[in-house]
Amino acid sequence: MMPGLAQRKSDIILLAEHFIDRLNVKYNKRIARISPGAIRLLMNYAWPGNVRELENCMERAVLTARDECVHSYNLPPSLQTGDSGGGSHPAAGALDEMIANYEREILTETIRRNNGNYSAAGRELGISPRMMNYRMNRLGLTKKS
């Protein structure tokens, strides 16, 4: 018998990319990559539903993606809270953690899209340079010199 997906961590991203390729064709999408935040969530999840659960997860991510990248916020809430479907409620503070992860990913992706120009990223997000700096400090993000 083949070991579960949780024991085959090296297969998770390969399978996720395979499912994205198939789903791009099925839904006429152009997803080209998985963000570091989403990769971290995929790798840390226990995968009790094994490969079928991963496939369903990636289908949801592809359908909800608004650009060419699967972000952590495109993944199901169970991956974002670390809940493996054991019937328990998310731990206290899980919502705050999910919101912070979502905001961190939005900021880093917008900065990347603007080639490291923090002012342009702030303008795209509709926030002042002061608020951009505040949010980056609060989330532990640092400016690259």
C-alpha atoms as a PDB file:
ATOM      1  CA  MET A   1       0.000   0.000   0.000  1.00  0.00           C
ATOM      2  CA  MET A   2       1.260   3.486  -0.888  1.00  0.00           C
ATOM      3  CA  PRO A   3       1.925   5.833   2.047  1.00  0.00           C
ATOM      4  CA  GLY A   4      -0.431   8.772   2.597  1.00  0.00           C
ATOM      5  CA  LEU A   5       0.241  12.186   1.135  1.00  0.00           C
ATOM      6  CA  ALA A   6       1.323  13.525   4.543  1.00  0.00           C
ATOM      7  CA  GLN A   7       4.226  11.039   4.444  1.00  0.00           C
ATOM      8  CA  ARG A   8       5.116  12.006   0.867  1.00  0.00           C
ATOM      9  CA  LYS A   9       5.679  15.746   1.322  1.00  0.00           C
ATOM     10  CA  SER A  10       7.894  15.917  -1.779  1.00  0.00           C
ATOM     11  CA  ASP A  11       4.908  14.914  -3.925  1.00  0.00           C
ATOM     12  CA  ILE A  12       2.555  17.643  -2.700  1.00  0.00           C
ATOM     13  CA  ILE A  13       3.799  20.532  -4.848  1.00  0.00           C
ATOM     14  CA  LEU A  14       4.373  18.285  -7.890  1.00  0.00           C
ATOM     15  CA  LEU A  15       0.790  17.033  -7.656  1.00  0.00           C
ATOM     16  CA  ALA A  16      -0.573  20.533  -7.000  1.00  0.00           C
ATOM     17  CA  GLU A  17       1.178  21.834 -10.133  1.00  0.00           C
ATOM     18  CA  HIS A  18      -0.105  18.850 -12.140  1.00  0.00           C
ATOM     19  CA  PHE A  19      -3.676  19.580 -10.999  1.00  0.00           C
ATOM     20  CA  ILE A  20      -3.242  23.276 -11.845  1.00  0.00           C
ATOM     21  CA  ASP A  21      -2.111  22.366 -15.378  1.00  0.00           C
ATOM     22  CA  ARG A  22      -5.171  20.126 -15.868  1.00  0.00           C
ATOM     23  CA  LEU A  23      -7.545  22.667 -14.337  1.00  0.00           C
ATOM     24  CA  ASN A  24      -6.110  25.517 -16.429  1.00  0.00           C
ATOM     25  CA  VAL A  25      -7.267  23.628 -19.507  1.00  0.00           C
ATOM     26  CA  LYS A  26     -10.620  22.649 -17.994  1.00  0.00           C
ATOM     27  CA  TYR A  27     -11.498  26.190 -16.848  1.00  0.00           C
ATOM     28  CA  ASN A  28      -9.554  28.169 -19.470  1.00  0.00           C
ATOM     29  CA  LYS A  29      -7.318  29.778 -16.831  1.00  0.00           C
ATOM     30  CA  ARG A  30      -3.644  30.771 -16.900  1.00  0.00           C
ATOM     31  CA  ILE A  31      -2.392  29.989 -13.407  1.00  0.00           C
ATOM     32  CA  ALA A  32       1.403  29.910 -13.664  1.00  0.00           C
ATOM     33  CA  ARG A  33       2.616  29.577 -10.092  1.00  0.00           C
ATOM     34  CA  ILE A  34       1.857  28.966  -6.436  1.00  0.00           C
ATOM     35  CA  SER A  35       2.816  31.712  -3.978  1.00  0.00           C
ATOM     36  CA  PRO A  36       5.268  30.975  -1.146  1.00  0.00           C
ATOM     37  CA  GLY A  37       2.473  31.437   1.404  1.00  0.00           C
ATOM     38  CA  ALA A  38       0.266  28.913  -0.367  1.00  0.00           C
ATOM     39  CA  ILE A  39       3.177  26.459  -0.662  1.00  0.00           C
ATOM     40  CA  ARG A  40       3.774  26.767   3.084  1.00  0.00           C
ATOM     41  CA  LEU A  41       0.108  25.974   3.818  1.00  0.00           C
ATOM     42  CA  LEU A  42       0.087  23.035   1.402  1.00  0.00           C
ATOM     43  CA  MET A  43       3.237  21.569   2.936  1.00  0.00           C
ATOM     44  CA  ASN A  44       2.099  21.993   6.562  1.00  0.00           C
ATOM     45  CA  TYR A  45      -1.358  20.447   6.151  1.00  0.00           C
ATOM     46  CA  ALA A  46      -1.941  16.821   7.274  1.00  0.00           C
ATOM     47  CA  TRP A  47      -3.954  15.762   4.161  1.00  0.00           C
ATOM     48  CA  PRO A  48      -6.367  13.285   5.773  1.00  0.00           C
ATOM     49  CA  GLY A  49      -8.282  13.123   2.489  1.00  0.00           C
ATOM     50  CA  ASN A  50      -5.068  12.333   0.633  1.00  0.00           C
ATOM     51  CA  VAL A  51      -4.655  13.070  -3.107  1.00  0.00           C
ATOM     52  CA  ARG A  52      -8.366  13.556  -3.767  1.00  0.00           C
ATOM     53  CA  GLU A  53      -8.496  16.277  -1.112  1.00  0.00           C
ATOM     54  CA  LEU A  54      -5.460  17.976  -2.691  1.00  0.00           C
ATOM     55  CA  GLU A  55      -7.144  17.862  -6.099  1.00  0.00           C
ATOM     56  CA  ASN A  56     -10.353  19.405  -4.709  1.00  0.00           C
ATOM     57  CA  CYS A  57      -8.292  22.032  -2.894  1.00  0.00           C
ATOM     58  CA  MET A  58      -6.460  22.993  -6.083  1.00  0.00           C
ATOM     59  CA  GLU A  59      -9.719  23.147  -8.044  1.00  0.00           C
ATOM     60  CA  ARG A  60     -11.095  25.638  -5.525  1.00  0.00           C
ATOM     61  CA  ALA A  61      -7.852  27.628  -5.700  1.00  0.00           C
ATOM     62  CA  VAL A  62      -7.881  27.770  -9.510  1.00  0.00           C
ATOM     63  CA  LEU A  63     -11.529  28.817  -9.597  1.00  0.00           C
ATOM     64  CA  THR A  64     -11.029  31.602  -7.046  1.00  0.00           C
ATOM     65  CA  ALA A  65      -7.678  32.880  -8.369  1.00  0.00           C
ATOM     66  CA  ARG A  66      -7.966  36.340  -9.914  1.00  0.00           C
ATOM     67  CA  ASP A  67      -4.476  36.508 -11.399  1.00  0.00           C
ATOM     68  CA  GLU A  68      -1.828  34.045 -12.582  1.00  0.00           C
ATOM     69  CA  CYS A  69      -0.958  32.862  -9.083  1.00  0.00           C
ATOM     70  CA  VAL A  70      -2.581  30.658  -6.461  1.00  0.00           C
ATOM     71  CA  HIS A  71      -2.374  32.603  -3.198  1.00  0.00           C
ATOM     72  CA  SER A  72      -2.880  31.337   0.340  1.00  0.00           C
ATOM     73  CA  TYR A  73      -6.284  33.032   0.461  1.00  0.00           C
ATOM     74  CA  ASN A  74      -7.407  30.939  -2.536  1.00  0.00           C
ATOM     75  CA  LEU A  75      -6.975  27.784  -0.451  1.00  0.00           C
ATOM     76  CA  PRO A  76      -9.766  26.393   1.735  1.00  0.00           C
ATOM     77  CA  PRO A  77     -10.063  27.696   5.314  1.00  0.00           C
ATOM     78  CA  SER A  78      -9.168  24.253   6.694  1.00  0.00           C
ATOM     79  CA  LEU A  79      -5.638  24.669   5.303  1.00  0.00           C
ATOM     80  CA  GLN A  80      -5.368  28.199   6.664  1.00  0.00           C
ATOM     81  CA  THR A  81      -6.263  27.161  10.215  1.00  0.00           C
ATOM     82  CA  GLY A  82      -4.378  23.871  10.172  1.00  0.00           C
ATOM     83  CA  ASP A  83      -7.641  22.034  10.947  1.00  0.00           C
ATOM     84  CA  SER A  84      -7.509  18.576   9.397  1.00  0.00           C
ATOM     85  CA  GLY A  85     -11.227  18.014   9.597  1.00  0.00           C
ATOM     86  CA  GLY A  86     -11.228  16.512  13.079  1.00  0.00           C
ATOM     87  CA  GLY A  87     -14.479  18.307  13.870  1.00  0.00           C
ATOM     88  CA  SER A  88     -12.855  20.790  16.210  1.00  0.00           C
ATOM     89  CA  HIS A  89     -13.293  24.521  15.939  1.00  0.00           C
ATOM     90  CA  PRO A  90     -10.375  26.654  14.797  1.00  0.00           C
ATOM     91  CA  ALA A  91      -8.162  27.786  17.646  1.00  0.00           C
ATOM     92  CA  ALA A  92      -8.703  31.206  19.161  1.00  0.00           C
ATOM     93  CA  GLY A  93      -6.905  33.787  17.095  1.00  0.00           C
ATOM     94  CA  ALA A  94      -7.135  31.717  13.898  1.00  0.00           C
ATOM     95  CA  LEU A  95      -9.162  34.440  12.168  1.00  0.00           C
ATOM     96  CA  ASP A  96      -6.599  37.095  13.075  1.00  0.00           C
ATOM     97  CA  GLU A  97      -3.821  34.855  11.781  1.00  0.00           C
ATOM     98  CA  MET A  98      -5.696  34.194   8.520  1.00  0.00           C
ATOM     99  CA  ILE A  99      -6.326  37.927   8.016  1.00  0.00           C
ATOM    100  CA  ALA A 100      -2.680  38.782   8.708  1.00  0.00           C
ATOM    101  CA  ASN A 101      -1.509  36.079   6.261  1.00  0.00           C
ATOM    102  CA  TYR A 102      -3.921  37.371   3.636  1.00  0.00           C
ATOM    103  CA  GLU A 103      -2.773  40.977   4.113  1.00  0.00           C
ATOM    104  CA  ARG A 104       0.915  39.953   4.100  1.00  0.00           C
ATOM    105  CA  GLU A 105       0.466  38.094   0.838  1.00  0.00           C
ATOM    106  CA  ILE A 106      -1.449  40.972  -0.788  1.00  0.00           C
ATOM    107  CA  LEU A 107       1.278  43.435   0.188  1.00  0.00           C
ATOM    108  CA  THR A 108       4.168  41.246  -0.988  1.00  0.00           C
ATOM    109  CA  GLU A 109       2.464  40.397  -4.288  1.00  0.00           C
ATOM    110  CA  THR A 110       1.625  44.059  -4.963  1.00  0.00           C
ATOM    111  CA  ILE A 111       5.203  45.112  -4.189  1.00  0.00           C
ATOM    112  CA  ARG A 112       6.496  42.358  -6.493  1.00  0.00           C
ATOM    113  CA  ARG A 113       4.093  43.405  -9.249  1.00  0.00           C
ATOM    114  CA  ASN A 114       5.408  46.983  -8.906  1.00  0.00           C
ATOM    115  CA  ASN A 115       9.048  45.839  -9.139  1.00  0.00           C
ATOM    116  CA  GLY A 116       9.806  46.710  -5.510  1.00  0.00           C
ATOM    117  CA  ASN A 117       8.387  50.242  -5.751  1.00  0.00           C
ATOM    118  CA  TYR A 118       6.630  50.654  -2.397  1.00  0.00           C
ATOM    119  CA  SER A 119       5.023  53.978  -3.326  1.00  0.00           C
ATOM    120  CA  ALA A 120       3.512  52.506  -6.497  1.00  0.00           C
ATOM    121  CA  ALA A 121       2.334  49.465  -4.547  1.00  0.00           C
ATOM    122  CA  GLY A 122       0.660  51.731  -1.988  1.00  0.00           C
ATOM    123  CA  ARG A 123      -1.038  53.736  -4.743  1.00  0.00           C
ATOM    124  CA  GLU A 124      -2.303  50.513  -6.344  1.00  0.00           C
ATOM    125  CA  LEU A 125      -3.743  49.438  -2.998  1.00  0.00           C
ATOM    126  CA  GLY A 126      -5.185  52.886  -2.326  1.00  0.00           C
ATOM    127  CA  ILE A 127      -3.212  53.485   0.876  1.00  0.00           C
ATOM    128  CA  SER A 128      -0.858  56.300   1.861  1.00  0.00           C
ATOM    129  CA  PRO A 129       2.913  55.745   2.187  1.00  0.00           C
ATOM    130  CA  ARG A 130       2.503  56.126   5.953  1.00  0.00           C
ATOM    131  CA  MET A 131      -0.134  53.370   6.082  1.00  0.00           C
ATOM    132  CA  MET A 132       1.948  51.179   3.785  1.00  0.00           C
ATOM    133  CA  ASN A 133       4.917  51.514   6.161  1.00  0.00           C
ATOM    134  CA  TYR A 134       2.703  50.879   9.206  1.00  0.00           C
ATOM    135  CA  ARG A 135       1.198  47.718   7.735  1.00  0.00           C
ATOM    136  CA  MET A 136       4.560  46.370   6.616  1.00  0.00           C
ATOM    137  CA  ASN A 137       6.030  46.928  10.110  1.00  0.00           C
ATOM    138  CA  ARG A 138       2.995  45.353  11.805  1.00  0.00           C
ATOM    139  CA  LEU A 139       3.280  42.258   9.577  1.00  0.00           C
ATOM    140  CA  GLY A 140       7.046  41.968   9.980  1.00  0.00           C
ATOM    141  CA  LEU A 141       7.803  42.825   6.357  1.00  0.00           C
ATOM    142  CA  THR A 142      10.980  44.768   5.646  1.00  0.00           C
ATOM    143  CA  LYS A 143      11.941  46.980   2.739  1.00  0.00           C
ATOM    144  CA  LYS A 144      14.661  45.525   0.562  1.00  0.00           C
ATOM    145  CA  SER A 145      17.389  48.129  -0.046  1.00  0.00           C
END
